[in-house]
């Protein structure tokens, strides 16, 4: 069986593994199940995710990591001029896609841009918002890695990519194309990798749950990350307080 696991709120919160998550993944691997990690967090590169998971005791390869930055990179073309507003994970995937990154030194530089790609960016500034505004109002396509409004820390919740997107939408009236879960670019990224038995485990009904439904796979909801109101339109096969609880229900 294949398990698609969200990371933030499922495997860890920020830099702390959620209790039992590492052991649950080890159990799945011992039973011969395959595991992939599917995240809307575009801040880290795939190698950084490998390093972080390995540090927590989870053996993983780069090919097992799929991010919203990868999905966003499928929406741009080689040699396009792209204004990237995000961290290392987003920038690396765009560079791998062969785009020309635009680094404006003045607002006028943003007028000659083919696409603005916005991801989670903890250094997001008024200057970034101004450059995005000028670029989009000058005709650039607007792409966002995901619409998640918040990001869970160990005890607190802070703004996510969706909050940054809202600022740009307010100043441009332009609606972005979203790349990550549950949208079509991420669906297309995952679909060729699906096996006959696949389950998606996440903490957000609005992203992970809808993503599972669009893939046509089971969904396991955990309550260890962001809590959302129940949505009767999103089927939930399993749920529990943690990944460990969901794994226990599924494999016994």
Foldseek 3Di string as FASTA:
>chain_A
DEEEEEPDLAQAFPLGGDPPNQVLLVVCVVVVYHYAYEYAAQADALVVVCVSCVVVPHHDDSVRYHYLLLLLLVVDAAAFEEAEAHHDSNVVNVVVRHYHYQDDPDLVSLLRGAAYEYAWHPPDDPVSLSSLQNNVQSPHAYEYSAQPQWGGHQDDIHGGRNVVQVSNCVSRVDDHHYGGFQDDSNLVVCLVVDDPAYEYEDADCRGRQNNCVVSVYAYEHEPRTDHDDDDPVGDHPHYYPHPSVRSVVVVD
